[in-house]
Amino acid sequence: MGYSRLVKWIDWQAMKHGAPIVIVDPRNTSSECPQCESKLEKNGYRRLRCPRCGFEEDRDVIGKLNIRKRALKMLGIKVIPGGVLAPLTAPQMTDVNMNRWGEPINS
């Protein structure tokens, strides 16, 4: 799926479910601790560790947690320092037609 289609699909799903869309700048999201906001240090291949609080995780997971944290702040939701950092889960979408763009199917 191309980028522009992906953006349109995300917009459509958000409108359909009444979810807000927040655009977050991803810069420096993998270099800051999601718990105490201090600078992270390398701890092996793709792993980062916080020297201050000891938080350790894969750099992509850290980036995802920081993007989520920034989005919540932009929405005005209070983020508790040192709070629970677990990824949000959502039920699998089953009401969407596989051919949602109306393109001809070549069999």
PDB file of N, CA and C in Angstrom:
ATOM      1  N   MET A   1       0.858  -1.175   0.000  1.00  0.00           N
ATOM      2  CA  MET A   1       0.000   0.000   0.000  1.00  0.00           C
ATOM      3  C   MET A   1       0.902   1.235   0.000  1.00  0.00           C
ATOM      4  N   GLY A   2       0.604   2.178  -0.857  1.00  0.00           N
ATOM      5  CA  GLY A   2       1.381   3.405  -0.925  1.00  0.00           C
ATOM      6  C   GLY A   2       1.126   4.293   0.289  1.00  0.00           C
ATOM      7  N   TYR A   3       2.047   5.210   0.525  1.00  0.00           N
ATOM      8  CA  TYR A   3       1.953   6.084   1.697  1.00  0.00           C
ATOM      9  C   TYR A   3       0.670   6.911   1.704  1.00  0.00           C
ATOM     10  N   SER A   4       0.322   7.496   0.561  1.00  0.00           N
ATOM     11  CA  SER A   4      -0.869   8.354   0.539  1.00  0.00           C
ATOM     12  C   SER A   4      -2.136   7.534   0.796  1.00  0.00           C
ATOM     13  N   ARG A   5      -2.188   6.309   0.299  1.00  0.00           N
ATOM     14  CA  ARG A   5      -3.339   5.449   0.594  1.00  0.00           C
ATOM     15  C   ARG A   5      -3.397   5.080   2.067  1.00  0.00           C
ATOM     16  N   LEU A   6      -2.231   4.817   2.635  1.00  0.00           N
ATOM     17  CA  LEU A   6      -2.180   4.490   4.059  1.00  0.00           C
ATOM     18  C   LEU A   6      -2.691   5.661   4.899  1.00  0.00           C
ATOM     19  N   VAL A   7      -2.286   6.869   4.559  1.00  0.00           N
ATOM     20  CA  VAL A   7      -2.751   8.055   5.286  1.00  0.00           C
ATOM     21  C   VAL A   7      -4.262   8.207   5.151  1.00  0.00           C
ATOM     22  N   LYS A   8      -4.786   8.032   3.952  1.00  0.00           N
ATOM     23  CA  LYS A   8      -6.239   8.127   3.744  1.00  0.00           C
ATOM     24  C   LYS A   8      -6.980   7.053   4.526  1.00  0.00           C
ATOM     25  N   TRP A   9      -6.436   5.840   4.553  1.00  0.00           N
ATOM     26  CA  TRP A   9      -7.076   4.745   5.280  1.00  0.00           C
ATOM     27  C   TRP A   9      -7.091   5.030   6.778  1.00  0.00           C
ATOM     28  N   ILE A  10      -5.983   5.539   7.310  1.00  0.00           N
ATOM     29  CA  ILE A  10      -5.929   5.881   8.744  1.00  0.00           C
ATOM     30  C   ILE A  10      -6.929   6.989   9.055  1.00  0.00           C
ATOM     31  N   ASP A  11      -6.991   8.016   8.217  1.00  0.00           N
ATOM     32  CA  ASP A  11      -7.971   9.099   8.408  1.00  0.00           C
ATOM     33  C   ASP A  11      -9.395   8.552   8.405  1.00  0.00           C
ATOM     34  N   TRP A  12      -9.692   7.663   7.451  1.00  0.00           N
ATOM     35  CA  TRP A  12     -11.026   7.087   7.338  1.00  0.00           C
ATOM     36  C   TRP A  12     -11.378   6.265   8.573  1.00  0.00           C
ATOM     37  N   GLN A  13     -10.434   5.445   9.046  1.00  0.00           N
ATOM     38  CA  GLN A  13     -10.685   4.627  10.242  1.00  0.00           C
ATOM     39  C   GLN A  13     -10.890   5.512  11.473  1.00  0.00           C
ATOM     40  N   ALA A  14     -10.106   6.560  11.593  1.00  0.00           N
ATOM     41  CA  ALA A  14     -10.248   7.467  12.736  1.00  0.00           C
ATOM     42  C   ALA A  14     -11.606   8.160  12.716  1.00  0.00           C
ATOM     43  N   MET A  15     -12.030   8.634  11.536  1.00  0.00           N
ATOM     44  CA  MET A  15     -13.345   9.273  11.428  1.00  0.00           C
ATOM     45  C   MET A  15     -14.458   8.279  11.739  1.00  0.00           C
ATOM     46  N   LYS A  16     -14.330   7.074  11.228  1.00  0.00           N
ATOM     47  CA  LYS A  16     -15.341   6.043  11.422  1.00  0.00           C
ATOM     48  C   LYS A  16     -15.535   5.698  12.900  1.00  0.00           C
ATOM     49  N   HIS A  17     -14.442   5.717  13.659  1.00  0.00           N
ATOM     50  CA  HIS A  17     -14.494   5.333  15.068  1.00  0.00           C
ATOM     51  C   HIS A  17     -14.468   6.535  16.021  1.00  0.00           C
ATOM     52  N   GLY A  18     -14.451   7.742  15.481  1.00  0.00           N
ATOM     53  CA  GLY A  18     -14.468   8.935  16.321  1.00  0.00           C
ATOM     54  C   GLY A  18     -13.180   9.159  17.103  1.00  0.00           C
ATOM     55  N   ALA A  19     -12.074   8.687  16.565  1.00  0.00           N
ATOM     56  CA  ALA A  19     -10.779   8.835  17.235  1.00  0.00           C
ATOM     57  C   ALA A  19     -10.064  10.080  16.714  1.00  0.00           C
ATOM     58  N   PRO A  20      -9.425  10.834  17.605  1.00  0.00           N
ATOM     59  CA  PRO A  20      -8.679  12.008  17.147  1.00  0.00           C
ATOM     60  C   PRO A  20      -7.387  11.587  16.452  1.00  0.00           C
ATOM     61  N   ILE A  21      -6.945  12.408  15.509  1.00  0.00           N
ATOM     62  CA  ILE A  21      -5.675  12.173  14.828  1.00  0.00           C
ATOM     63  C   ILE A  21      -4.703  13.257  15.276  1.00  0.00           C
ATOM     64  N   VAL A  22      -3.530  12.830  15.716  1.00  0.00           N
ATOM     65  CA  VAL A  22      -2.499  13.758  16.166  1.00  0.00           C
ATOM     66  C   VAL A  22      -1.229  13.462  15.383  1.00  0.00           C
ATOM     67  N   ILE A  23      -0.652  14.483  14.772  1.00  0.00           N
ATOM     68  CA  ILE A  23       0.601  14.338  14.037  1.00  0.00           C
ATOM     69  C   ILE A  23       1.739  14.673  14.993  1.00  0.00           C
ATOM     70  N   VAL A  24       2.637  13.712  15.202  1.00  0.00           N
ATOM     71  CA  VAL A  24       3.746  13.864  16.150  1.00  0.00           C
ATOM     72  C   VAL A  24       5.059  13.861  15.387  1.00  0.00           C
ATOM     73  N   ASP A  25       5.925  14.813  15.702  1.00  0.00           N
ATOM     74  CA  ASP A  25       7.259  14.854  15.106  1.00  0.00           C
ATOM     75  C   ASP A  25       8.093  13.725  15.727  1.00  0.00           C
ATOM     76  N   PRO A  26       8.590  12.772  14.927  1.00  0.00           N
ATOM     77  CA  PRO A  26       9.300  11.627  15.486  1.00  0.00           C
ATOM     78  C   PRO A  26      10.763  11.884  15.858  1.00  0.00           C
ATOM     79  N   ARG A  27      11.252  13.112  15.635  1.00  0.00           N
ATOM     80  CA  ARG A  27      12.653  13.394  15.935  1.00  0.00           C
ATOM     81  C   ARG A  27      12.984  13.191  17.410  1.00  0.00           C
ATOM     82  N   ASN A  28      14.102  12.543  17.664  1.00  0.00           N
ATOM     83  CA  ASN A  28      14.662  12.298  19.003  1.00  0.00           C
ATOM     84  C   ASN A  28      13.764  11.447  19.906  1.00  0.00           C
ATOM     85  N   THR A  29      12.851  10.686  19.320  1.00  0.00           N
ATOM     86  CA  THR A  29      11.988   9.857  20.165  1.00  0.00           C
ATOM     87  C   THR A  29      12.698   8.608  20.666  1.00  0.00           C
ATOM     88  N   SER A  30      13.798   8.214  20.009  1.00  0.00           N
ATOM     89  CA  SER A  30      14.528   7.031  20.455  1.00  0.00           C
ATOM     90  C   SER A  30      15.713   7.370  21.349  1.00  0.00           C
ATOM     91  N   SER A  31      15.947   8.623  21.628  1.00  0.00           N
ATOM     92  CA  SER A  31      17.124   8.985  22.422  1.00  0.00           C
ATOM     93  C   SER A  31      16.776   9.486  23.815  1.00  0.00           C
ATOM     94  N   GLU A  32      15.499   9.481  24.162  1.00  0.00           N
ATOM     95  CA  GLU A  32      15.058  10.004  25.461  1.00  0.00           C
ATOM     96  C   GLU A  32      14.290   8.911  26.206  1.00  0.00           C
ATOM     97  N   CYS A  33      14.554   8.776  27.494  1.00  0.00           N
ATOM     98  CA  CYS A  33      13.894   7.764  28.313  1.00  0.00           C
ATOM     99  C   CYS A  33      12.401   8.098  28.442  1.00  0.00           C
ATOM    100  N   PRO A  34      11.506   7.136  28.149  1.00  0.00           N
ATOM    101  CA  PRO A  34      10.078   7.416  28.262  1.00  0.00           C
ATOM    102  C   PRO A  34       9.583   7.546  29.704  1.00  0.00           C
ATOM    103  N   GLN A  35      10.397   7.126  30.665  1.00  0.00           N
ATOM    104  CA  GLN A  35       9.980   7.225  32.064  1.00  0.00           C
ATOM    105  C   GLN A  35      10.483   8.492  32.739  1.00  0.00           C
ATOM    106  N   CYS A  36      11.787   8.770  32.593  1.00  0.00           N
ATOM    107  CA  CYS A  36      12.339   9.921  33.328  1.00  0.00           C
ATOM    108  C   CYS A  36      12.870  11.024  32.414  1.00  0.00           C
ATOM    109  N   GLU A  37      12.777  10.834  31.095  1.00  0.00           N
ATOM    110  CA  GLU A  37      13.166  11.825  30.086  1.00  0.00           C
ATOM    111  C   GLU A  37      14.654  12.162  30.065  1.00  0.00           C
ATOM    112  N   SER A  38      15.509  11.290  30.608  1.00  0.00           N
ATOM    113  CA  SER A  38      16.945  11.535  30.529  1.00  0.00           C
ATOM    114  C   SER A  38      17.508  10.892  29.259  1.00  0.00           C
ATOM    115  N   LYS A  39      18.751  11.205  28.923  1.00  0.00           N
ATOM    116  CA  LYS A  39      19.400  10.711  27.706  1.00  0.00           C
ATOM    117  C   LYS A  39      19.715   9.228  27.858  1.00  0.00           C
ATOM    118  N   LEU A  40      19.390   8.437  26.833  1.00  0.00           N
ATOM    119  CA  LEU A  40      19.625   6.996  26.849  1.00  0.00           C
ATOM    120  C   LEU A  40      21.018   6.667  26.330  1.00  0.00           C
ATOM    121  N   GLU A  41      21.546   5.516  26.771  1.00  0.00           N
ATOM    122  CA  GLU A  41      22.850   5.035  26.328  1.00  0.00           C
ATOM    123  C   GLU A  41      22.681   3.700  25.633  1.00  0.00           C
ATOM    124  N   LYS A  42      23.568   3.400  24.681  1.00  0.00           N
ATOM    125  CA  LYS A  42      23.513   2.119  23.981  1.00  0.00           C
ATOM    126  C   LYS A  42      23.842   0.990  24.954  1.00  0.00           C
ATOM    127  N   ASN A  43      23.135  -0.118  24.773  1.00  0.00           N
ATOM    128  CA  ASN A  43      23.365  -1.291  25.615  1.00  0.00           C
ATOM    129  C   ASN A  43      23.254  -2.537  24.746  1.00  0.00           C
ATOM    130  N   GLY A  44      24.086  -2.603  23.727  1.00  0.00           N
ATOM    131  CA  GLY A  44      24.045  -3.720  22.799  1.00  0.00           C
ATOM    132  C   GLY A  44      23.358  -3.309  21.510  1.00  0.00           C
ATOM    133  N   TYR A  45      23.177  -4.282  20.635  1.00  0.00           N
ATOM    134  CA  TYR A  45      22.583  -4.040  19.325  1.00  0.00           C
ATOM    135  C   TYR A  45      21.102  -3.694  19.476  1.00  0.00           C
ATOM    136  N   ARG A  46      20.715  -2.494  19.034  1.00  0.00           N
ATOM    137  CA  ARG A  46      19.332  -1.998  19.044  1.00  0.00           C
ATOM    138  C   ARG A  46      18.740  -1.802  20.440  1.00  0.00           C
ATOM    139  N   ARG A  47      19.487  -2.011  21.487  1.00  0.00           N
ATOM    140  CA  ARG A  47      18.965  -1.861  22.842  1.00  0.00           C
ATOM    141  C   ARG A  47      19.532  -0.586  23.456  1.00  0.00           C
ATOM    142  N   LEU A  48      18.678   0.122  24.174  1.00  0.00           N
ATOM    143  CA  LEU A  48      19.080   1.338  24.852  1.00  0.00           C
ATOM    144  C   LEU A  48      18.723   1.205  26.326  1.00  0.00           C
ATOM    145  N   ARG A  49      19.523   1.856  27.177  1.00  0.00           N
ATOM    146  CA  ARG A  49      19.312   1.786  28.616  1.00  0.00           C
ATOM    147  C   ARG A  49      19.435   3.173  29.208  1.00  0.00           C
ATOM    148  N   CYS A  50      18.576   3.442  30.187  1.00  0.00           N
ATOM    149  CA  CYS A  50      18.627   4.720  30.881  1.00  0.00           C
ATOM    150  C   CYS A  50      19.561   4.585  32.088  1.00  0.00           C
ATOM    151  N   PRO A  51      20.595   5.430  32.159  1.00  0.00           N
ATOM    152  CA  PRO A  51      21.505   5.342  33.305  1.00  0.00           C
ATOM    153  C   PRO A  51      20.873   5.847  34.604  1.00  0.00           C
ATOM    154  N   ARG A  52      19.824   6.625  34.488  1.00  0.00           N
ATOM    155  CA  ARG A  52      19.190   7.216  35.665  1.00  0.00           C
ATOM    156  C   ARG A  52      18.184   6.279  36.339  1.00  0.00           C
ATOM    157  N   CYS A  53      17.248   5.726  35.551  1.00  0.00           N
ATOM    158  CA  CYS A  53      16.193   4.891  36.152  1.00  0.00           C
ATOM    159  C   CYS A  53      16.326   3.411  35.823  1.00  0.00           C
ATOM    160  N   GLY A  54      17.217   3.052  34.884  1.00  0.00           N
ATOM    161  CA  GLY A  54      17.437   1.650  34.556  1.00  0.00           C
ATOM    162  C   GLY A  54      16.505   1.078  33.503  1.00  0.00           C
ATOM    163  N   PHE A  55      15.618   1.887  32.938  1.00  0.00           N
ATOM    164  CA  PHE A  55      14.702   1.420  31.898  1.00  0.00           C
ATOM    165  C   PHE A  55      15.511   0.939  30.704  1.00  0.00           C
ATOM    166  N   GLU A  56      15.195  -0.259  30.180  1.00  0.00           N
ATOM    167  CA  GLU A  56      15.918  -0.815  29.040  1.00  0.00           C
ATOM    168  C   GLU A  56      14.925  -1.454  28.076  1.00  0.00           C
ATOM    169  N   GLU A  57      15.121  -1.155  26.777  1.00  0.00           N
ATOM    170  CA  GLU A  57      14.208  -1.701  25.775  1.00  0.00           C
ATOM    171  C   GLU A  57      14.821  -1.516  24.398  1.00  0.00           C
ATOM    172  N   ASP A  58      14.201  -2.123  23.387  1.00  0.00           N
ATOM    173  CA  ASP A  58      14.587  -1.958  21.993  1.00  0.00           C
ATOM    174  C   ASP A  58      14.318  -0.508  21.574  1.00  0.00           C
ATOM    175  N   ARG A  59      15.151   0.044  20.701  1.00  0.00           N
ATOM    176  CA  ARG A  59      15.023   1.456  20.325  1.00  0.00           C
ATOM    177  C   ARG A  59      13.707   1.764  19.615  1.00  0.00           C
ATOM    178  N   ASP A  60      13.158   0.801  18.861  1.00  0.00           N
ATOM    179  CA  ASP A  60      11.878   1.038  18.200  1.00  0.00           C
ATOM    180  C   ASP A  60      10.730   1.105  19.201  1.00  0.00           C
ATOM    181  N   VAL A  61      10.781   0.265  20.225  1.00  0.00           N
ATOM    182  CA  VAL A  61       9.747   0.287  21.271  1.00  0.00           C
ATOM    183  C   VAL A  61       9.832   1.597  22.049  1.00  0.00           C
ATOM    184  N   ILE A  62      11.046   2.048  22.332  1.00  0.00           N
ATOM    185  CA  ILE A  62      11.229   3.324  23.033  1.00  0.00           C
ATOM    186  C   ILE A  62      10.667   4.470  22.203  1.00  0.00           C
ATOM    187  N   GLY A  63      10.956   4.466  20.905  1.00  0.00           N
ATOM    188  CA  GLY A  63      10.411   5.497  20.019  1.00  0.00           C
ATOM    189  C   GLY A  63       8.893   5.487  20.013  1.00  0.00           C
ATOM    190  N   LYS A  64       8.299   4.296  19.965  1.00  0.00           N
ATOM    191  CA  LYS A  64       6.837   4.175  19.957  1.00  0.00           C
ATOM    192  C   LYS A  64       6.248   4.708  21.263  1.00  0.00           C
ATOM    193  N   LEU A  65       6.869   4.391  22.386  1.00  0.00           N
ATOM    194  CA  LEU A  65       6.366   4.869  23.675  1.00  0.00           C
ATOM    195  C   LEU A  65       6.464   6.393  23.780  1.00  0.00           C
ATOM    196  N   ASN A  66       7.558   6.949  23.276  1.00  0.00           N
ATOM    197  CA  ASN A  66       7.717   8.406  23.321  1.00  0.00           C
ATOM    198  C   ASN A  66       6.759   9.122  22.376  1.00  0.00           C
ATOM    199  N   ILE A  67       6.487   8.537  21.207  1.00  0.00           N
ATOM    200  CA  ILE A  67       5.512   9.137  20.289  1.00  0.00           C
ATOM    201  C   ILE A  67       4.129   9.113  20.932  1.00  0.00           C
ATOM    202  N   ARG A  68       3.780   7.995  21.561  1.00  0.00           N
ATOM    203  CA  ARG A  68       2.489   7.900  22.262  1.00  0.00           C
ATOM    204  C   ARG A  68       2.394   8.947  23.372  1.00  0.00           C
ATOM    205  N   LYS A  69       3.480   9.098  24.107  1.00  0.00           N
ATOM    206  CA  LYS A  69       3.523  10.069  25.212  1.00  0.00           C
ATOM    207  C   LYS A  69       3.334  11.500  24.685  1.00  0.00           C
ATOM    208  N   ARG A  70       4.002  11.829  23.590  1.00  0.00           N
ATOM    209  CA  ARG A  70       3.861  13.168  23.001  1.00  0.00           C
ATOM    210  C   ARG A  70       2.437  13.401  22.489  1.00  0.00           C
ATOM    211  N   ALA A  71       1.855  12.366  21.867  1.00  0.00           N
ATOM    212  CA  ALA A  71       0.489  12.499  21.345  1.00  0.00           C
ATOM    213  C   ALA A  71      -0.498  12.729  22.486  1.00  0.00           C
ATOM    214  N   LEU A  72      -0.336  12.010  23.584  1.00  0.00           N
ATOM    215  CA  LEU A  72      -1.229  12.193  24.735  1.00  0.00           C
ATOM    216  C   LEU A  72      -1.103  13.606  25.304  1.00  0.00           C
ATOM    217  N   LYS A  73       0.122  14.114  25.356  1.00  0.00           N
ATOM    218  CA  LYS A  73       0.321  15.489  25.834  1.00  0.00           C
ATOM    219  C   LYS A  73      -0.352  16.491  24.903  1.00  0.00           C
ATOM    220  N   MET A  74      -0.262  16.252  23.577  1.00  0.00           N
ATOM    221  CA  MET A  74      -0.877  17.155  22.612  1.00  0.00           C
ATOM    222  C   MET A  74      -2.400  17.134  22.724  1.00  0.00           C
ATOM    223  N   LEU A  75      -2.954  16.002  23.124  1.00  0.00           N
ATOM    224  CA  LEU A  75      -4.397  15.883  23.308  1.00  0.00           C
ATOM    225  C   LEU A  75      -4.856  16.427  24.655  1.00  0.00           C
ATOM    226  N   GLY A  76      -3.905  16.822  25.496  1.00  0.00           N
ATOM    227  CA  GLY A  76      -4.252  17.367  26.801  1.00  0.00           C
ATOM    228  C   GLY A  76      -4.505  16.305  27.854  1.00  0.00           C
ATOM    229  N   ILE A  77      -4.063  15.081  27.599  1.00  0.00           N
ATOM    230  CA  ILE A  77      -4.211  14.004  28.567  1.00  0.00           C
ATOM    231  C   ILE A  77      -2.988  14.001  29.459  1.00  0.00           C
ATOM    232  N   LYS A  78      -3.212  14.032  30.755  1.00  0.00           N
ATOM    233  CA  LYS A  78      -2.098  14.106  31.699  1.00  0.00           C
ATOM    234  C   LYS A  78      -1.308  12.801  31.675  1.00  0.00           C
ATOM    235  N   VAL A  79       0.002  12.928  31.487  1.00  0.00           N
ATOM    236  CA  VAL A  79       0.900  11.787  31.473  1.00  0.00           C
ATOM    237  C   VAL A  79       1.634  11.762  32.803  1.00  0.00           C
ATOM    238  N   ILE A  80       1.473  10.685  33.541  1.00  0.00           N
ATOM    239  CA  ILE A  80       2.104  10.559  34.857  1.00  0.00           C
ATOM    240  C   ILE A  80       3.541  10.090  34.670  1.00  0.00           C
ATOM    241  N   PRO A  81       4.545  10.850  35.176  1.00  0.00           N
ATOM    242  CA  PRO A  81       5.937  10.407  35.064  1.00  0.00           C
ATOM    243  C   PRO A  81       6.129   9.069  35.773  1.00  0.00           C
ATOM    244  N   GLY A  82       6.794   8.140  35.097  1.00  0.00           N
ATOM    245  CA  GLY A  82       7.030   6.830  35.675  1.00  0.00           C
ATOM    246  C   GLY A  82       5.799   5.952  35.681  1.00  0.00           C
ATOM    247  N   GLY A  83       4.754   6.372  34.958  1.00  0.00           N
ATOM    248  CA  GLY A  83       3.516   5.609  34.913  1.00  0.00           C
ATOM    249  C   GLY A  83       3.666   4.347  34.083  1.00  0.00           C
ATOM    250  N   VAL A  84       2.575   3.659  33.890  1.00  0.00           N
ATOM    251  CA  VAL A  84       2.595   2.412  33.138  1.00  0.00           C
ATOM    252  C   VAL A  84       2.894   2.706  31.677  1.00  0.00           C
ATOM    253  N   LEU A  85       3.862   2.013  31.126  1.00  0.00           N
ATOM    254  CA  LEU A  85       4.241   2.184  29.732  1.00  0.00           C
ATOM    255  C   LEU A  85       3.962   0.884  28.996  1.00  0.00           C
ATOM    256  N   ALA A  86       2.746   0.692  28.601  1.00  0.00           N
ATOM    257  CA  ALA A  86       2.363  -0.501  27.855  1.00  0.00           C
ATOM    258  C   ALA A  86       1.716  -0.055  26.553  1.00  0.00           C
ATOM    259  N   PRO A  87       1.980  -0.766  25.469  1.00  0.00           N
ATOM    260  CA  PRO A  87       1.359  -0.380  24.216  1.00  0.00           C
ATOM    261  C   PRO A  87      -0.151  -0.550  24.263  1.00  0.00           C
ATOM    262  N   LEU A  88      -0.858   0.362  23.589  1.00  0.00           N
ATOM    263  CA  LEU A  88      -2.303   0.249  23.499  1.00  0.00           C
ATOM    264  C   LEU A  88      -2.663  -0.936  22.625  1.00  0.00           C
ATOM    265  N   THR A  89      -3.747  -1.612  22.947  1.00  0.00           N
ATOM    266  CA  THR A  89      -4.200  -2.723  22.120  1.00  0.00           C
ATOM    267  C   THR A  89      -5.572  -2.388  21.582  1.00  0.00           C
ATOM    268  N   ALA A  90      -5.883  -2.923  20.441  1.00  0.00           N
ATOM    269  CA  ALA A  90      -7.180  -2.679  19.817  1.00  0.00           C
ATOM    270  C   ALA A  90      -7.671  -3.986  19.210  1.00  0.00           C
ATOM    271  N   PRO A  91      -8.978  -4.169  19.163  1.00  0.00           N
ATOM    272  CA  PRO A  91      -9.493  -5.390  18.544  1.00  0.00           C
ATOM    273  C   PRO A  91      -9.218  -5.407  17.047  1.00  0.00           C
ATOM    274  N   GLN A  92      -9.118  -6.591  16.493  1.00  0.00           N
ATOM    275  CA  GLN A  92      -8.886  -6.747  15.063  1.00  0.00           C
ATOM    276  C   GLN A  92     -10.089  -6.229  14.284  1.00  0.00           C
ATOM    277  N   MET A  93      -9.832  -5.461  13.238  1.00  0.00           N
ATOM    278  CA  MET A  93     -10.906  -4.936  12.403  1.00  0.00           C
ATOM    279  C   MET A  93     -11.438  -6.055  11.517  1.00  0.00           C
ATOM    280  N   THR A  94     -12.748  -6.281  11.553  1.00  0.00           N
ATOM    281  CA  THR A  94     -13.340  -7.340  10.733  1.00  0.00           C
ATOM    282  C   THR A  94     -14.422  -6.802   9.801  1.00  0.00           C
ATOM    283  N   ASP A  95     -14.760  -5.521   9.919  1.00  0.00           N
ATOM    284  CA  ASP A  95     -15.854  -4.966   9.116  1.00  0.00           C
ATOM    285  C   ASP A  95     -15.375  -4.254   7.860  1.00  0.00           C
ATOM    286  N   VAL A  96     -14.118  -4.436   7.489  1.00  0.00           N
ATOM    287  CA  VAL A  96     -13.563  -3.730   6.340  1.00  0.00           C
ATOM    288  C   VAL A  96     -13.388  -4.718   5.191  1.00  0.00           C
ATOM    289  N   ASN A  97     -13.922  -4.379   4.042  1.00  0.00           N
ATOM    290  CA  ASN A  97     -13.777  -5.192   2.853  1.00  0.00           C
ATOM    291  C   ASN A  97     -12.320  -5.183   2.425  1.00  0.00           C
ATOM    292  N   MET A  98     -11.780  -6.338   2.080  1.00  0.00           N
ATOM    293  CA  MET A  98     -10.385  -6.423   1.650  1.00  0.00           C
ATOM    294  C   MET A  98     -10.122  -5.547   0.435  1.00  0.00           C
ATOM    295  N   ASN A  99     -11.108  -5.365  -0.430  1.00  0.00           N
ATOM    296  CA  ASN A  99     -10.974  -4.547  -1.630  1.00  0.00           C
ATOM    297  C   ASN A  99     -11.629  -3.191  -1.387  1.00  0.00           C
ATOM    298  N   ARG A 100     -11.227  -2.527  -0.309  1.00  0.00           N
ATOM    299  CA  ARG A 100     -11.896  -1.294   0.114  1.00  0.00           C
ATOM    300  C   ARG A 100     -11.683  -0.126  -0.837  1.00  0.00           C
ATOM    301  N   TRP A 101     -10.724  -0.201  -1.748  1.00  0.00           N
ATOM    302  CA  TRP A 101     -10.464   0.912  -2.661  1.00  0.00           C
ATOM    303  C   TRP A 101     -11.261   0.761  -3.955  1.00  0.00           C
ATOM    304  N   GLY A 102     -11.988  -0.359  -4.101  1.00  0.00           N
ATOM    305  CA  GLY A 102     -12.807  -0.555  -5.282  1.00  0.00           C
ATOM    306  C   GLY A 102     -12.019  -0.868  -6.541  1.00  0.00           C
ATOM    307  N   GLU A 103     -10.787  -1.358  -6.365  1.00  0.00           N
ATOM    308  CA  GLU A 103      -9.966  -1.673  -7.518  1.00  0.00           C
ATOM    309  C   GLU A 103     -10.396  -3.031  -8.101  1.00  0.00           C
ATOM    310  N   PRO A 104     -10.233  -3.203  -9.409  1.00  0.00           N
ATOM    311  CA  PRO A 104     -10.580  -4.505  -9.989  1.00  0.00           C
ATOM    312  C   PRO A 104      -9.639  -5.574  -9.457  1.00  0.00           C
ATOM    313  N   ILE A 105     -10.175  -6.753  -9.210  1.00  0.00           N
ATOM    314  CA  ILE A 105      -9.376  -7.862  -8.715  1.00  0.00           C
ATOM    315  C   ILE A 105      -8.989  -8.733  -9.893  1.00  0.00           C
ATOM    316  N   ASN A 106      -7.674  -8.902 -10.077  1.00  0.00           N
ATOM    317  CA  ASN A 106      -7.166  -9.745 -11.153  1.00  0.00           C
ATOM    318  C   ASN A 106      -6.933 -11.129 -10.612  1.00  0.00           C
ATOM    319  N   SER A 107      -7.689 -12.106 -11.091  1.00  0.00           N
ATOM    320  CA  SER A 107      -7.537 -13.482 -10.616  1.00  0.00           C
ATOM    321  C   SER A 107      -6.810 -14.321 -11.629  1.00  0.00           C
TER     322      SER A 107
END
